[in-house]
Amino acid sequence: MMKYGAEHVEHKFTLSFVESEVRGQWHDIYLSMRLEAGETFPEDLIDPSILVICNLDGDIVQIVLHDEGCDCEFQFTYAEKAQIENFVQEHVNV
């Protein structure tokens, strides 16, 4: 996780499914994350969570990092996005 334009930093975390809902042509999937031992969130990131937006065919359209339930100035790295995509494909029925 990193602020837009900041240095590329990888974080190690585990994911958990929270809930999902269909919203028109989109299927929203909400995930929580827990950092692995020894990891810390970036200083300005208080309560991160993840929104994965899929189309009704199950294809991931967007992965959004939320802080305190809202969009924020942080984004995932490519490796972190890949971890989230793999989790959704393996553990969430889309």
C-alpha atoms as a PDB file:
ATOM      1  CA  MET A   1       0.000   0.000   0.000  1.00  0.00           C
ATOM      2  CA  MET A   2       1.293   3.401  -0.882  1.00  0.00           C
ATOM      3  CA  LYS A   3       0.105   6.928  -1.394  1.00  0.00           C
ATOM      4  CA  TYR A   4      -0.356   7.896  -5.015  1.00  0.00           C
ATOM      5  CA  GLY A   5       3.065   8.876  -6.363  1.00  0.00           C
ATOM      6  CA  ALA A   6       4.959   7.631  -3.288  1.00  0.00           C
ATOM      7  CA  GLU A   7       7.676   5.015  -3.061  1.00  0.00           C
ATOM      8  CA  HIS A   8       6.622   1.465  -3.957  1.00  0.00           C
ATOM      9  CA  VAL A   9       6.307  -0.554  -0.707  1.00  0.00           C
ATOM     10  CA  GLU A  10       4.931  -4.113  -0.474  1.00  0.00           C
ATOM     11  CA  HIS A  11       2.942  -5.151   2.601  1.00  0.00           C
ATOM     12  CA  LYS A  12       2.169  -8.724   3.628  1.00  0.00           C
ATOM     13  CA  PHE A  13      -1.387  -9.344   4.798  1.00  0.00           C
ATOM     14  CA  THR A  14      -4.126 -11.937   4.997  1.00  0.00           C
ATOM     15  CA  LEU A  15      -7.640 -11.380   3.684  1.00  0.00           C
ATOM     16  CA  SER A  16     -11.106 -12.202   4.979  1.00  0.00           C
ATOM     17  CA  PHE A  17     -14.465 -11.987   3.245  1.00  0.00           C
ATOM     18  CA  VAL A  18     -16.870  -9.503   4.895  1.00  0.00           C
ATOM     19  CA  GLU A  19     -19.902  -9.222   2.601  1.00  0.00           C
ATOM     20  CA  SER A  20     -21.059  -8.804  -0.971  1.00  0.00           C
ATOM     21  CA  GLU A  21     -23.954  -7.140  -2.708  1.00  0.00           C
ATOM     22  CA  VAL A  22     -25.250  -6.778  -6.223  1.00  0.00           C
ATOM     23  CA  ARG A  23     -25.698  -3.177  -7.292  1.00  0.00           C
ATOM     24  CA  GLY A  24     -27.226  -2.933 -10.772  1.00  0.00           C
ATOM     25  CA  GLN A  25     -24.625  -4.277 -13.197  1.00  0.00           C
ATOM     26  CA  TRP A  26     -21.953  -4.583 -10.477  1.00  0.00           C
ATOM     27  CA  HIS A  27     -21.179  -7.114  -7.772  1.00  0.00           C
ATOM     28  CA  ASP A  28     -19.408  -5.398  -4.867  1.00  0.00           C
ATOM     29  CA  ILE A  29     -17.237  -7.551  -2.615  1.00  0.00           C
ATOM     30  CA  TYR A  30     -15.971  -6.191   0.686  1.00  0.00           C
ATOM     31  CA  LEU A  31     -12.844  -7.671   2.271  1.00  0.00           C
ATOM     32  CA  SER A  32     -10.926  -7.003   5.453  1.00  0.00           C
ATOM     33  CA  MET A  33      -7.182  -7.344   5.804  1.00  0.00           C
ATOM     34  CA  ARG A  34      -4.886  -8.174   8.659  1.00  0.00           C
ATOM     35  CA  LEU A  35      -1.177  -7.467   8.484  1.00  0.00           C
ATOM     36  CA  GLU A  36       1.248 -10.304   9.043  1.00  0.00           C
ATOM     37  CA  ALA A  37       3.569 -10.210  12.056  1.00  0.00           C
ATOM     38  CA  GLY A  38       6.108  -7.412  11.901  1.00  0.00           C
ATOM     39  CA  GLU A  39       4.204  -5.425   9.261  1.00  0.00           C
ATOM     40  CA  THR A  40       2.721  -1.969   9.847  1.00  0.00           C
ATOM     41  CA  PHE A  41       0.260   0.074   7.843  1.00  0.00           C
ATOM     42  CA  PRO A  42       1.483   3.339   6.347  1.00  0.00           C
ATOM     43  CA  GLU A  43       1.352   6.115   8.943  1.00  0.00           C
ATOM     44  CA  ASP A  44      -1.722   7.944   7.568  1.00  0.00           C
ATOM     45  CA  LEU A  45      -3.763   4.792   6.946  1.00  0.00           C
ATOM     46  CA  ILE A  46      -6.089   4.304   9.940  1.00  0.00           C
ATOM     47  CA  ASP A  47      -8.648   1.557   9.242  1.00  0.00           C
ATOM     48  CA  PRO A  48      -8.086   0.028   5.780  1.00  0.00           C
ATOM     49  CA  SER A  49     -10.499  -2.264   3.990  1.00  0.00           C
ATOM     50  CA  ILE A  50     -11.002  -3.390   0.417  1.00  0.00           C
ATOM     51  CA  LEU A  51     -13.800  -2.991  -2.116  1.00  0.00           C
ATOM     52  CA  VAL A  52     -13.577  -5.278  -5.146  1.00  0.00           C
ATOM     53  CA  ILE A  53     -15.967  -4.350  -7.952  1.00  0.00           C
ATOM     54  CA  CYS A  54     -16.858  -7.137 -10.375  1.00  0.00           C
ATOM     55  CA  ASN A  55     -19.226  -7.311 -13.311  1.00  0.00           C
ATOM     56  CA  LEU A  56     -22.048  -9.841 -13.141  1.00  0.00           C
ATOM     57  CA  ASP A  57     -19.895 -12.379 -15.019  1.00  0.00           C
ATOM     58  CA  GLY A  58     -17.442 -12.317 -12.098  1.00  0.00           C
ATOM     59  CA  ASP A  59     -14.671 -10.389 -13.836  1.00  0.00           C
ATOM     60  CA  ILE A  60     -12.852  -7.966 -11.541  1.00  0.00           C
ATOM     61  CA  VAL A  61     -13.240  -4.416 -12.810  1.00  0.00           C
ATOM     62  CA  GLN A  62     -11.627  -2.443  -9.989  1.00  0.00           C
ATOM     63  CA  ILE A  63      -9.941  -2.915  -6.602  1.00  0.00           C
ATOM     64  CA  VAL A  64     -10.294   0.040  -4.239  1.00  0.00           C
ATOM     65  CA  LEU A  65      -8.460   0.585  -0.973  1.00  0.00           C
ATOM     66  CA  HIS A  66     -10.747   2.237   1.569  1.00  0.00           C
ATOM     67  CA  ASP A  67      -9.764   3.920   4.810  1.00  0.00           C
ATOM     68  CA  GLU A  68     -12.460   4.175   7.457  1.00  0.00           C
ATOM     69  CA  GLY A  69     -14.984   3.017   4.830  1.00  0.00           C
ATOM     70  CA  CYS A  70     -14.187   5.733   2.245  1.00  0.00           C
ATOM     71  CA  ASP A  71     -11.968   6.090  -0.811  1.00  0.00           C
ATOM     72  CA  CYS A  72      -8.534   7.333   0.166  1.00  0.00           C
ATOM     73  CA  GLU A  73      -5.245   8.563  -1.258  1.00  0.00           C
ATOM     74  CA  PHE A  74      -3.611   5.135  -0.989  1.00  0.00           C
ATOM     75  CA  GLN A  75      -3.406   2.430  -3.626  1.00  0.00           C
ATOM     76  CA  PHE A  76      -2.282  -1.182  -3.795  1.00  0.00           C
ATOM     77  CA  THR A  77       0.897  -2.342  -5.489  1.00  0.00           C
ATOM     78  CA  TYR A  78       0.650  -4.770  -8.399  1.00  0.00           C
ATOM     79  CA  ALA A  79       1.622  -7.710  -6.173  1.00  0.00           C
ATOM     80  CA  GLU A  80      -0.972  -6.740  -3.548  1.00  0.00           C
ATOM     81  CA  LYS A  81      -3.656  -6.480  -6.249  1.00  0.00           C
ATOM     82  CA  ALA A  82      -2.670  -9.914  -7.544  1.00  0.00           C
ATOM     83  CA  GLN A  83      -3.051 -11.347  -4.024  1.00  0.00           C
ATOM     84  CA  ILE A  84      -6.535  -9.806  -3.753  1.00  0.00           C
ATOM     85  CA  GLU A  85      -7.555 -11.068  -7.206  1.00  0.00           C
ATOM     86  CA  ASN A  86      -6.410 -14.599  -6.332  1.00  0.00           C
ATOM     87  CA  PHE A  87      -8.311 -14.505  -3.031  1.00  0.00           C
ATOM     88  CA  VAL A  88     -11.540 -13.403  -4.723  1.00  0.00           C
ATOM     89  CA  GLN A  89     -11.240 -16.041  -7.445  1.00  0.00           C
ATOM     90  CA  GLU A  90     -10.538 -18.841  -4.943  1.00  0.00           C
ATOM     91  CA  HIS A  91     -12.759 -17.925  -1.983  1.00  0.00           C
ATOM     92  CA  VAL A  92     -15.667 -15.745  -3.108  1.00  0.00           C
ATOM     93  CA  ASN A  93     -18.579 -16.987  -5.212  1.00  0.00           C
ATOM     94  CA  VAL A  94     -19.047 -14.254  -7.774  1.00  0.00           C
END
